[in-house]
Amino acid sequence: MSSDGPQPTEYVVARLRPHARVLFWPSLGLVGICAATGYFGGRFDVAWQNYVVLGAAVALIVLLWLVPVLIWLGKRYVITSRRLVVRKGLFVRTRQELLHSRGYDLTVRKNSVQSAFRSGDVLINTGLDRPLVLWDVPSADLVQSTLHDLMESNLNSVAQRRQHEQSVGHTDTTPWGDDRVI
């Protein structure tokens, strides 16, 4: 606990996932698989052939629809007043945190499809090996400006705290070159 008084509370600014348009093709595939199963299911005279059609439909639904939906649900970005939290995975979870007070560079990268949907990739360069990427975030420009504002306010509060700590001064230390004994 610091002696400066209570720390400001942390609050959630935004909760984000990658843009939902990545689910368009899997959903279209689900409709097609269901239509084909409805058309071909029960048409064969031998029962095992009908079961093969049903089993193939279930396997295709799992591979072409359920897996992409679970991957999409497994990525989550949470922006709070103090940090950025990136969570990935459903079974093996990875969590990365980045404090706004550390300072970082932000870049928004968009391709033509992302520009049409006003989304983009937000690259966060922290000075480490490779940048942290928020993939295909909706309203990428708004996310970038929000992160800039949060970073600036956190840097200002850290600077004010350091200035306050330096101005308080410590009475139990002696400066170098002082001949007096306390």
N, C-alpha and C. Protein backbone atom coordinates (compact mmCIF):
# COMPACT_ATOMS: atom_id res chain seq x y z
N MET A 1 0.84 -1.17 0.00
CA MET A 1 0.00 0.00 0.00
C MET A 1 0.88 1.23 0.00
N SER A 2 0.64 2.16 -0.84
CA SER A 2 1.47 3.36 -0.91
C SER A 2 0.96 4.40 0.07
N SER A 3 1.83 5.31 0.45
CA SER A 3 1.47 6.36 1.39
C SER A 3 0.86 7.57 0.69
N ASP A 4 0.77 7.55 -0.63
CA ASP A 4 0.22 8.68 -1.38
C ASP A 4 -1.29 8.81 -1.20
N GLY A 5 -1.91 7.80 -0.68
CA GLY A 5 -3.37 7.78 -0.62
C GLY A 5 -3.87 6.67 -1.51
N PRO A 6 -5.16 6.57 -1.63
CA PRO A 6 -5.71 5.47 -2.44
C PRO A 6 -5.41 5.65 -3.92
N GLN A 7 -5.14 4.54 -4.56
CA GLN A 7 -4.90 4.55 -6.00
C GLN A 7 -6.23 4.71 -6.71
N PRO A 8 -6.25 5.34 -7.88
CA PRO A 8 -7.50 5.46 -8.63
C PRO A 8 -7.98 4.07 -9.05
N THR A 9 -9.29 3.89 -9.04
CA THR A 9 -9.84 2.59 -9.39
C THR A 9 -9.70 2.34 -10.88
N GLU A 10 -9.53 1.09 -11.20
CA GLU A 10 -9.41 0.69 -12.60
C GLU A 10 -10.81 0.34 -13.12
N TYR A 11 -11.14 0.85 -14.28
CA TYR A 11 -12.45 0.56 -14.86
C TYR A 11 -12.27 0.13 -16.31
N VAL A 12 -13.23 -0.64 -16.80
CA VAL A 12 -13.18 -1.17 -18.16
C VAL A 12 -13.66 -0.09 -19.12
N VAL A 13 -12.83 0.21 -20.11
CA VAL A 13 -13.18 1.17 -21.14
C VAL A 13 -13.89 0.48 -22.30
N ALA A 14 -13.35 -0.67 -22.73
CA ALA A 14 -13.94 -1.39 -23.86
C ALA A 14 -13.59 -2.87 -23.79
N ARG A 15 -14.53 -3.68 -24.24
CA ARG A 15 -14.31 -5.11 -24.45
C ARG A 15 -14.49 -5.38 -25.93
N LEU A 16 -13.49 -5.97 -26.57
CA LEU A 16 -13.52 -6.15 -28.02
C LEU A 16 -13.21 -7.58 -28.41
N ARG A 17 -13.69 -7.96 -29.57
CA ARG A 17 -13.33 -9.21 -30.24
C ARG A 17 -12.97 -8.83 -31.68
N PRO A 18 -12.33 -9.75 -32.40
CA PRO A 18 -12.14 -9.48 -33.83
C PRO A 18 -13.49 -9.29 -34.52
N HIS A 19 -13.47 -8.61 -35.65
CA HIS A 19 -14.71 -8.31 -36.37
C HIS A 19 -15.46 -9.59 -36.70
N ALA A 20 -16.77 -9.57 -36.58
CA ALA A 20 -17.60 -10.77 -36.75
C ALA A 20 -17.77 -11.18 -38.20
N ARG A 21 -17.27 -10.39 -39.14
CA ARG A 21 -17.42 -10.78 -40.55
C ARG A 21 -16.63 -12.05 -40.89
N VAL A 22 -15.68 -12.43 -40.03
CA VAL A 22 -14.95 -13.68 -40.26
C VAL A 22 -15.86 -14.89 -40.11
N LEU A 23 -17.04 -14.69 -39.55
CA LEU A 23 -17.99 -15.79 -39.39
C LEU A 23 -18.96 -15.90 -40.57
N PHE A 24 -18.82 -15.06 -41.59
CA PHE A 24 -19.73 -15.09 -42.73
C PHE A 24 -19.62 -16.41 -43.49
N TRP A 25 -18.40 -16.79 -43.92
CA TRP A 25 -18.22 -18.01 -44.69
C TRP A 25 -18.55 -19.27 -43.89
N PRO A 26 -18.14 -19.37 -42.63
CA PRO A 26 -18.58 -20.54 -41.86
C PRO A 26 -20.10 -20.63 -41.72
N SER A 27 -20.77 -19.50 -41.55
CA SER A 27 -22.24 -19.52 -41.43
C SER A 27 -22.89 -19.89 -42.76
N LEU A 28 -22.33 -19.39 -43.85
CA LEU A 28 -22.84 -19.77 -45.16
C LEU A 28 -22.62 -21.27 -45.41
N GLY A 29 -21.48 -21.79 -44.98
CA GLY A 29 -21.21 -23.22 -45.09
C GLY A 29 -22.18 -24.04 -44.25
N LEU A 30 -22.54 -23.55 -43.06
CA LEU A 30 -23.50 -24.24 -42.21
C LEU A 30 -24.86 -24.35 -42.91
N VAL A 31 -25.29 -23.27 -43.53
CA VAL A 31 -26.57 -23.29 -44.26
C VAL A 31 -26.49 -24.28 -45.42
N GLY A 32 -25.39 -24.27 -46.15
CA GLY A 32 -25.23 -25.19 -47.28
C GLY A 32 -25.20 -26.64 -46.84
N ILE A 33 -24.50 -26.93 -45.75
CA ILE A 33 -24.42 -28.30 -45.25
C ILE A 33 -25.79 -28.78 -44.79
N CYS A 34 -26.52 -27.92 -44.10
CA CYS A 34 -27.86 -28.29 -43.64
C CYS A 34 -28.80 -28.51 -44.83
N ALA A 35 -28.67 -27.67 -45.86
CA ALA A 35 -29.51 -27.84 -47.06
C ALA A 35 -29.17 -29.14 -47.78
N ALA A 36 -27.89 -29.44 -47.92
CA ALA A 36 -27.49 -30.68 -48.60
C ALA A 36 -27.90 -31.90 -47.79
N THR A 37 -27.80 -31.82 -46.48
CA THR A 37 -28.22 -32.94 -45.64
C THR A 37 -29.73 -33.15 -45.73
N GLY A 38 -30.47 -32.07 -45.76
CA GLY A 38 -31.92 -32.19 -45.91
C GLY A 38 -32.31 -32.77 -47.26
N TYR A 39 -31.54 -32.45 -48.29
CA TYR A 39 -31.85 -32.95 -49.64
C TYR A 39 -31.46 -34.42 -49.79
N PHE A 40 -30.21 -34.75 -49.35
CA PHE A 40 -29.71 -36.10 -49.56
C PHE A 40 -30.07 -37.07 -48.43
N GLY A 41 -30.39 -36.58 -47.26
CA GLY A 41 -30.70 -37.45 -46.14
C GLY A 41 -32.00 -38.22 -46.37
N GLY A 42 -31.96 -39.53 -46.20
CA GLY A 42 -33.14 -40.37 -46.37
C GLY A 42 -33.43 -40.76 -47.80
N ARG A 43 -32.61 -40.38 -48.75
CA ARG A 43 -32.85 -40.71 -50.16
C ARG A 43 -32.33 -42.09 -50.54
N PHE A 44 -31.42 -42.62 -49.73
CA PHE A 44 -30.82 -43.90 -50.08
C PHE A 44 -31.67 -45.05 -49.53
N ASP A 45 -31.65 -46.17 -50.25
CA ASP A 45 -32.44 -47.32 -49.84
C ASP A 45 -31.82 -48.07 -48.66
N VAL A 46 -30.49 -48.06 -48.60
CA VAL A 46 -29.79 -48.77 -47.54
C VAL A 46 -29.58 -47.79 -46.38
N ALA A 47 -29.87 -48.25 -45.16
CA ALA A 47 -29.81 -47.38 -43.98
C ALA A 47 -28.41 -46.85 -43.69
N TRP A 48 -27.38 -47.68 -43.90
CA TRP A 48 -26.02 -47.23 -43.57
C TRP A 48 -25.59 -46.07 -44.44
N GLN A 49 -26.10 -45.99 -45.67
CA GLN A 49 -25.74 -44.87 -46.54
C GLN A 49 -26.36 -43.57 -46.01
N ASN A 50 -27.55 -43.63 -45.46
CA ASN A 50 -28.17 -42.44 -44.86
C ASN A 50 -27.40 -42.00 -43.61
N TYR A 51 -26.89 -42.99 -42.85
CA TYR A 51 -26.07 -42.66 -41.68
C TYR A 51 -24.74 -42.02 -42.07
N VAL A 52 -24.19 -42.47 -43.20
CA VAL A 52 -22.94 -41.86 -43.69
C VAL A 52 -23.17 -40.41 -44.06
N VAL A 53 -24.29 -40.11 -44.70
CA VAL A 53 -24.61 -38.72 -45.06
C VAL A 53 -24.75 -37.88 -43.80
N LEU A 54 -25.45 -38.41 -42.80
CA LEU A 54 -25.63 -37.69 -41.55
C LEU A 54 -24.29 -37.50 -40.81
N GLY A 55 -23.47 -38.54 -40.78
CA GLY A 55 -22.15 -38.43 -40.13
C GLY A 55 -21.23 -37.45 -40.83
N ALA A 56 -21.26 -37.46 -42.17
CA ALA A 56 -20.45 -36.50 -42.93
C ALA A 56 -20.92 -35.08 -42.67
N ALA A 57 -22.22 -34.90 -42.55
CA ALA A 57 -22.76 -33.56 -42.27
C ALA A 57 -22.31 -33.07 -40.90
N VAL A 58 -22.37 -33.93 -39.91
CA VAL A 58 -21.93 -33.55 -38.56
C VAL A 58 -20.44 -33.22 -38.55
N ALA A 59 -19.64 -34.04 -39.23
CA ALA A 59 -18.19 -33.78 -39.28
C ALA A 59 -17.89 -32.46 -39.98
N LEU A 60 -18.58 -32.18 -41.08
CA LEU A 60 -18.36 -30.92 -41.79
C LEU A 60 -18.82 -29.72 -40.95
N ILE A 61 -19.91 -29.87 -40.23
CA ILE A 61 -20.37 -28.78 -39.37
C ILE A 61 -19.36 -28.48 -38.29
N VAL A 62 -18.80 -29.52 -37.70
CA VAL A 62 -17.79 -29.32 -36.65
C VAL A 62 -16.55 -28.65 -37.23
N LEU A 63 -16.07 -29.13 -38.37
CA LEU A 63 -14.84 -28.58 -38.96
C LEU A 63 -15.03 -27.20 -39.58
N LEU A 64 -16.11 -27.00 -40.30
CA LEU A 64 -16.27 -25.77 -41.06
C LEU A 64 -17.03 -24.67 -40.33
N TRP A 65 -17.77 -25.01 -39.25
CA TRP A 65 -18.51 -23.97 -38.55
C TRP A 65 -18.11 -23.86 -37.08
N LEU A 66 -18.12 -24.97 -36.35
CA LEU A 66 -17.88 -24.91 -34.92
C LEU A 66 -16.45 -24.49 -34.58
N VAL A 67 -15.48 -25.02 -35.28
CA VAL A 67 -14.08 -24.65 -35.00
C VAL A 67 -13.82 -23.16 -35.25
N PRO A 68 -14.24 -22.58 -36.39
CA PRO A 68 -14.04 -21.14 -36.56
C PRO A 68 -14.78 -20.28 -35.53
N VAL A 69 -15.96 -20.69 -35.12
CA VAL A 69 -16.70 -19.93 -34.10
C VAL A 69 -15.96 -19.99 -32.77
N LEU A 70 -15.45 -21.16 -32.40
CA LEU A 70 -14.71 -21.28 -31.14
C LEU A 70 -13.41 -20.48 -31.18
N ILE A 71 -12.75 -20.47 -32.32
CA ILE A 71 -11.53 -19.66 -32.45
C ILE A 71 -11.86 -18.18 -32.29
N TRP A 72 -12.95 -17.74 -32.91
CA TRP A 72 -13.37 -16.34 -32.81
C TRP A 72 -13.75 -16.00 -31.37
N LEU A 73 -14.45 -16.89 -30.69
CA LEU A 73 -14.84 -16.65 -29.30
C LEU A 73 -13.64 -16.66 -28.36
N GLY A 74 -12.57 -17.33 -28.76
CA GLY A 74 -11.39 -17.45 -27.90
C GLY A 74 -10.51 -16.22 -27.87
N LYS A 75 -10.71 -15.26 -28.76
CA LYS A 75 -9.90 -14.03 -28.77
C LYS A 75 -10.71 -12.90 -28.16
N ARG A 76 -10.09 -12.24 -27.16
CA ARG A 76 -10.78 -11.13 -26.52
C ARG A 76 -9.77 -10.07 -26.10
N TYR A 77 -10.11 -8.82 -26.34
CA TYR A 77 -9.27 -7.70 -25.97
C TYR A 77 -10.05 -6.84 -24.99
N VAL A 78 -9.45 -6.53 -23.85
CA VAL A 78 -10.09 -5.70 -22.83
C VAL A 78 -9.19 -4.49 -22.60
N ILE A 79 -9.76 -3.31 -22.79
CA ILE A 79 -9.04 -2.06 -22.54
C ILE A 79 -9.58 -1.48 -21.25
N THR A 80 -8.70 -1.32 -20.27
CA THR A 80 -9.10 -0.70 -19.01
C THR A 80 -8.41 0.66 -18.89
N SER A 81 -8.68 1.34 -17.81
CA SER A 81 -8.08 2.66 -17.62
C SER A 81 -6.58 2.57 -17.33
N ARG A 82 -6.08 1.40 -16.92
CA ARG A 82 -4.66 1.27 -16.60
C ARG A 82 -3.88 0.37 -17.53
N ARG A 83 -4.56 -0.56 -18.25
CA ARG A 83 -3.82 -1.54 -19.03
C ARG A 83 -4.67 -2.08 -20.17
N LEU A 84 -3.98 -2.82 -21.03
CA LEU A 84 -4.61 -3.52 -22.13
C LEU A 84 -4.39 -5.01 -21.88
N VAL A 85 -5.47 -5.80 -21.91
CA VAL A 85 -5.39 -7.23 -21.65
C VAL A 85 -5.81 -7.96 -22.91
N VAL A 86 -4.94 -8.85 -23.40
CA VAL A 86 -5.23 -9.66 -24.58
C VAL A 86 -5.33 -11.11 -24.13
N ARG A 87 -6.49 -11.72 -24.38
CA ARG A 87 -6.72 -13.12 -24.02
C ARG A 87 -6.95 -13.92 -25.29
N LYS A 88 -6.30 -15.08 -25.37
CA LYS A 88 -6.45 -15.96 -26.54
C LYS A 88 -6.61 -17.38 -26.06
N GLY A 89 -7.41 -18.14 -26.78
CA GLY A 89 -7.54 -19.57 -26.54
C GLY A 89 -8.72 -19.95 -25.68
N LEU A 90 -9.22 -21.16 -25.90
CA LEU A 90 -10.29 -21.71 -25.08
C LEU A 90 -9.76 -22.78 -24.14
N PHE A 91 -8.98 -23.71 -24.65
CA PHE A 91 -8.47 -24.80 -23.83
C PHE A 91 -7.10 -24.46 -23.25
N VAL A 92 -6.23 -23.90 -24.05
CA VAL A 92 -4.94 -23.40 -23.59
C VAL A 92 -5.01 -21.89 -23.70
N ARG A 93 -5.12 -21.24 -22.57
CA ARG A 93 -5.33 -19.79 -22.57
C ARG A 93 -4.01 -19.05 -22.41
N THR A 94 -3.91 -17.97 -23.15
CA THR A 94 -2.76 -17.09 -23.06
C THR A 94 -3.29 -15.70 -22.72
N ARG A 95 -2.66 -15.05 -21.76
CA ARG A 95 -3.08 -13.72 -21.35
C ARG A 95 -1.86 -12.81 -21.34
N GLN A 96 -1.97 -11.69 -22.07
CA GLN A 96 -0.91 -10.69 -22.09
C GLN A 96 -1.48 -9.39 -21.55
N GLU A 97 -0.69 -8.71 -20.76
CA GLU A 97 -1.09 -7.41 -20.22
C GLU A 97 -0.04 -6.38 -20.59
N LEU A 98 -0.52 -5.20 -20.90
CA LEU A 98 0.36 -4.10 -21.25
C LEU A 98 -0.12 -2.85 -20.53
N LEU A 99 0.72 -2.32 -19.64
CA LEU A 99 0.35 -1.13 -18.89
C LEU A 99 0.45 0.11 -19.78
N HIS A 100 -0.53 0.99 -19.67
CA HIS A 100 -0.49 2.22 -20.45
C HIS A 100 0.64 3.14 -19.99
N SER A 101 1.03 3.05 -18.73
CA SER A 101 2.06 3.93 -18.20
C SER A 101 3.45 3.61 -18.75
N ARG A 102 3.63 2.45 -19.39
CA ARG A 102 4.93 2.12 -19.97
C ARG A 102 5.20 2.88 -21.25
N GLY A 103 4.16 3.27 -21.94
CA GLY A 103 4.33 3.99 -23.20
C GLY A 103 4.63 3.03 -24.34
N TYR A 104 4.05 3.26 -25.49
CA TYR A 104 4.23 2.41 -26.65
C TYR A 104 3.80 3.16 -27.90
N ASP A 105 4.19 2.61 -29.05
CA ASP A 105 3.81 3.18 -30.34
C ASP A 105 2.61 2.42 -30.89
N LEU A 106 1.68 3.14 -31.50
CA LEU A 106 0.49 2.54 -32.07
C LEU A 106 0.45 2.76 -33.57
N THR A 107 0.09 1.73 -34.31
CA THR A 107 -0.07 1.81 -35.76
C THR A 107 -1.34 1.06 -36.13
N VAL A 108 -2.12 1.64 -37.04
CA VAL A 108 -3.31 0.95 -37.55
C VAL A 108 -3.02 0.55 -38.99
N ARG A 109 -3.25 -0.72 -39.29
CA ARG A 109 -3.04 -1.25 -40.64
C ARG A 109 -4.37 -1.78 -41.15
N LYS A 110 -4.74 -1.36 -42.37
CA LYS A 110 -6.02 -1.78 -42.94
C LYS A 110 -5.82 -2.26 -44.37
N ASN A 111 -6.52 -3.33 -44.73
CA ASN A 111 -6.58 -3.71 -46.13
C ASN A 111 -7.91 -3.20 -46.69
N SER A 112 -8.20 -3.48 -47.95
CA SER A 112 -9.39 -2.90 -48.58
C SER A 112 -10.69 -3.40 -47.95
N VAL A 113 -10.75 -4.67 -47.58
CA VAL A 113 -11.96 -5.20 -46.94
C VAL A 113 -12.14 -4.60 -45.56
N GLN A 114 -11.05 -4.48 -44.82
CA GLN A 114 -11.14 -3.87 -43.49
C GLN A 114 -11.55 -2.41 -43.58
N SER A 115 -11.09 -1.70 -44.58
CA SER A 115 -11.49 -0.30 -44.75
C SER A 115 -12.98 -0.18 -45.02
N ALA A 116 -13.53 -1.12 -45.79
CA ALA A 116 -14.96 -1.08 -46.08
C ALA A 116 -15.79 -1.29 -44.82
N PHE A 117 -15.28 -2.06 -43.88
CA PHE A 117 -16.02 -2.33 -42.64
C PHE A 117 -15.52 -1.48 -41.47
N ARG A 118 -14.65 -0.52 -41.72
CA ARG A 118 -14.08 0.37 -40.71
C ARG A 118 -13.40 -0.39 -39.58
N SER A 119 -12.73 -1.48 -39.93
CA SER A 119 -11.96 -2.23 -38.94
C SER A 119 -10.50 -2.20 -39.36
N GLY A 120 -9.65 -2.84 -38.59
CA GLY A 120 -8.23 -2.88 -38.94
C GLY A 120 -7.43 -3.58 -37.87
N ASP A 121 -6.16 -3.76 -38.16
CA ASP A 121 -5.22 -4.36 -37.21
C ASP A 121 -4.51 -3.23 -36.47
N VAL A 122 -4.53 -3.27 -35.14
CA VAL A 122 -3.84 -2.28 -34.34
C VAL A 122 -2.54 -2.91 -33.87
N LEU A 123 -1.42 -2.37 -34.34
CA LEU A 123 -0.09 -2.87 -33.96
C LEU A 123 0.43 -2.02 -32.81
N ILE A 124 0.81 -2.67 -31.73
CA ILE A 124 1.30 -1.99 -30.54
C ILE A 124 2.76 -2.37 -30.37
N ASN A 125 3.65 -1.42 -30.64
CA ASN A 125 5.08 -1.67 -30.55
C ASN A 125 5.57 -1.24 -29.18
N THR A 126 5.97 -2.21 -28.38
CA THR A 126 6.45 -1.93 -27.03
C THR A 126 7.96 -1.86 -26.94
N GLY A 127 8.64 -2.05 -28.06
CA GLY A 127 10.09 -2.05 -28.06
C GLY A 127 10.67 -3.44 -27.88
N LEU A 128 9.83 -4.45 -27.80
CA LEU A 128 10.29 -5.82 -27.66
C LEU A 128 10.51 -6.43 -29.04
N ASP A 129 10.64 -7.74 -29.11
CA ASP A 129 10.95 -8.43 -30.36
C ASP A 129 9.97 -8.11 -31.48
N ARG A 130 8.71 -8.34 -31.23
CA ARG A 130 7.70 -8.11 -32.26
C ARG A 130 6.52 -7.40 -31.63
N PRO A 131 5.77 -6.66 -32.41
CA PRO A 131 4.66 -5.90 -31.82
C PRO A 131 3.49 -6.80 -31.43
N LEU A 132 2.74 -6.35 -30.46
CA LEU A 132 1.49 -6.99 -30.07
C LEU A 132 0.43 -6.52 -31.06
N VAL A 133 -0.34 -7.45 -31.62
CA VAL A 133 -1.31 -7.10 -32.67
C VAL A 133 -2.71 -7.43 -32.19
N LEU A 134 -3.58 -6.44 -32.26
CA LEU A 134 -5.01 -6.65 -32.05
C LEU A 134 -5.59 -6.87 -33.44
N TRP A 135 -5.86 -8.13 -33.79
CA TRP A 135 -6.25 -8.48 -35.15
C TRP A 135 -7.67 -8.06 -35.45
N ASP A 136 -7.86 -7.36 -36.56
CA ASP A 136 -9.15 -7.08 -37.16
C ASP A 136 -10.16 -6.51 -36.16
N VAL A 137 -9.75 -5.45 -35.46
CA VAL A 137 -10.58 -4.82 -34.44
C VAL A 137 -11.61 -3.91 -35.10
N PRO A 138 -12.89 -3.99 -34.70
CA PRO A 138 -13.88 -3.04 -35.21
C PRO A 138 -13.54 -1.62 -34.73
N SER A 139 -13.80 -0.63 -35.55
CA SER A 139 -13.52 0.78 -35.24
C SER A 139 -12.07 0.96 -34.80
N ALA A 140 -11.15 0.55 -35.64
CA ALA A 140 -9.73 0.54 -35.30
C ALA A 140 -9.20 1.94 -35.02
N ASP A 141 -9.67 2.94 -35.75
CA ASP A 141 -9.20 4.31 -35.51
C ASP A 141 -9.64 4.81 -34.13
N LEU A 142 -10.85 4.47 -33.72
CA LEU A 142 -11.34 4.85 -32.40
C LEU A 142 -10.54 4.13 -31.31
N VAL A 143 -10.21 2.88 -31.52
CA VAL A 143 -9.39 2.13 -30.56
C VAL A 143 -8.01 2.78 -30.43
N GLN A 144 -7.43 3.19 -31.57
CA GLN A 144 -6.12 3.83 -31.53
C GLN A 144 -6.18 5.15 -30.75
N SER A 145 -7.17 5.98 -31.03
CA SER A 145 -7.24 7.27 -30.32
C SER A 145 -7.54 7.07 -28.83
N THR A 146 -8.34 6.07 -28.49
CA THR A 146 -8.61 5.79 -27.08
C THR A 146 -7.35 5.33 -26.37
N LEU A 147 -6.58 4.46 -27.00
CA LEU A 147 -5.33 4.01 -26.39
C LEU A 147 -4.34 5.16 -26.24
N HIS A 148 -4.29 6.06 -27.23
CA HIS A 148 -3.43 7.25 -27.10
C HIS A 148 -3.84 8.08 -25.89
N ASP A 149 -5.14 8.33 -25.74
CA ASP A 149 -5.62 9.15 -24.62
C ASP A 149 -5.32 8.48 -23.28
N LEU A 150 -5.56 7.19 -23.19
CA LEU A 150 -5.28 6.47 -21.94
C LEU A 150 -3.80 6.46 -21.60
N MET A 151 -2.97 6.28 -22.63
CA MET A 151 -1.53 6.28 -22.41
C MET A 151 -1.07 7.65 -21.92
N GLU A 152 -1.58 8.70 -22.53
CA GLU A 152 -1.18 10.06 -22.13
C GLU A 152 -1.63 10.37 -20.71
N SER A 153 -2.84 10.02 -20.34
CA SER A 153 -3.31 10.30 -18.99
C SER A 153 -2.55 9.49 -17.95
N ASN A 154 -2.19 8.25 -18.27
CA ASN A 154 -1.41 7.44 -17.34
C ASN A 154 0.01 7.95 -17.21
N LEU A 155 0.61 8.40 -18.31
CA LEU A 155 1.96 8.95 -18.23
C LEU A 155 1.96 10.23 -17.40
N ASN A 156 0.92 11.05 -17.54
CA ASN A 156 0.83 12.28 -16.75
C ASN A 156 0.67 11.98 -15.26
N SER A 157 -0.13 10.98 -14.91
CA SER A 157 -0.32 10.64 -13.50
C SER A 157 0.95 10.06 -12.89
N VAL A 158 1.71 9.28 -13.66
CA VAL A 158 2.98 8.73 -13.17
C VAL A 158 3.98 9.86 -12.97
N ALA A 159 4.02 10.81 -13.88
CA ALA A 159 4.94 11.95 -13.74
C ALA A 159 4.59 12.79 -12.52
N GLN A 160 3.30 13.01 -12.29
CA GLN A 160 2.88 13.78 -11.11
C GLN A 160 3.23 13.05 -9.83
N ARG A 161 3.06 11.72 -9.80
CA ARG A 161 3.39 10.94 -8.62
C ARG A 161 4.89 11.01 -8.33
N ARG A 162 5.72 10.90 -9.39
CA ARG A 162 7.18 10.98 -9.19
C ARG A 162 7.60 12.36 -8.72
N GLN A 163 6.96 13.40 -9.25
CA GLN A 163 7.29 14.76 -8.83
C GLN A 163 6.92 14.95 -7.36
N HIS A 164 5.79 14.40 -6.94
CA HIS A 164 5.38 14.50 -5.55
C HIS A 164 6.36 13.76 -4.64
N GLU A 165 6.81 12.58 -5.06
CA GLU A 165 7.77 11.81 -4.25
C GLU A 165 9.09 12.54 -4.13
N GLN A 166 9.53 13.22 -5.17
CA GLN A 166 10.79 13.95 -5.13
C GLN A 166 10.67 15.21 -4.28
N SER A 167 9.51 15.84 -4.27
CA SER A 167 9.35 17.08 -3.51
C SER A 167 9.21 16.82 -2.02
N VAL A 168 8.78 15.63 -1.63
CA VAL A 168 8.62 15.32 -0.21
C VAL A 168 9.98 15.29 0.48
N GLY A 169 10.97 14.70 -0.15
CA GLY A 169 12.33 14.66 0.41
C GLY A 169 12.43 13.69 1.57
N HIS A 170 13.61 13.22 1.82
CA HIS A 170 13.84 12.26 2.90
C HIS A 170 14.77 12.89 3.91
N THR A 171 14.45 12.83 5.21
CA THR A 171 15.26 13.44 6.25
C THR A 171 16.32 12.50 6.79
N ASP A 172 16.24 11.24 6.49
CA ASP A 172 17.20 10.29 7.06
C ASP A 172 18.41 10.07 6.18
N THR A 173 18.61 10.84 5.12
CA THR A 173 19.77 10.68 4.26
C THR A 173 20.63 11.93 4.33
N THR A 174 21.90 11.75 4.08
CA THR A 174 22.81 12.89 4.03
C THR A 174 23.31 13.07 2.61
N PRO A 175 23.42 14.30 2.18
CA PRO A 175 23.92 14.52 0.80
C PRO A 175 25.41 14.23 0.75
N TRP A 176 25.91 13.91 -0.42
CA TRP A 176 27.32 13.64 -0.62
C TRP A 176 28.11 14.93 -0.38
N GLY A 177 29.22 14.79 0.26
CA GLY A 177 30.11 15.92 0.49
C GLY A 177 29.74 16.75 1.70
N ASP A 178 28.74 16.34 2.44
CA ASP A 178 28.35 17.08 3.64
C ASP A 178 29.19 16.55 4.81
N ASP A 179 29.93 17.43 5.48
CA ASP A 179 30.82 17.02 6.54
C ASP A 179 30.15 16.89 7.88
N ARG A 180 28.94 17.38 7.98
CA ARG A 180 28.25 17.31 9.26
C ARG A 180 27.83 15.88 9.56
N VAL A 181 27.83 15.51 10.79
CA VAL A 181 27.38 14.20 11.22
C VAL A 181 26.03 14.39 11.89
N ILE A 182 25.08 13.58 11.48
CA ILE A 182 23.73 13.73 12.04
C ILE A 182 23.52 12.72 13.12
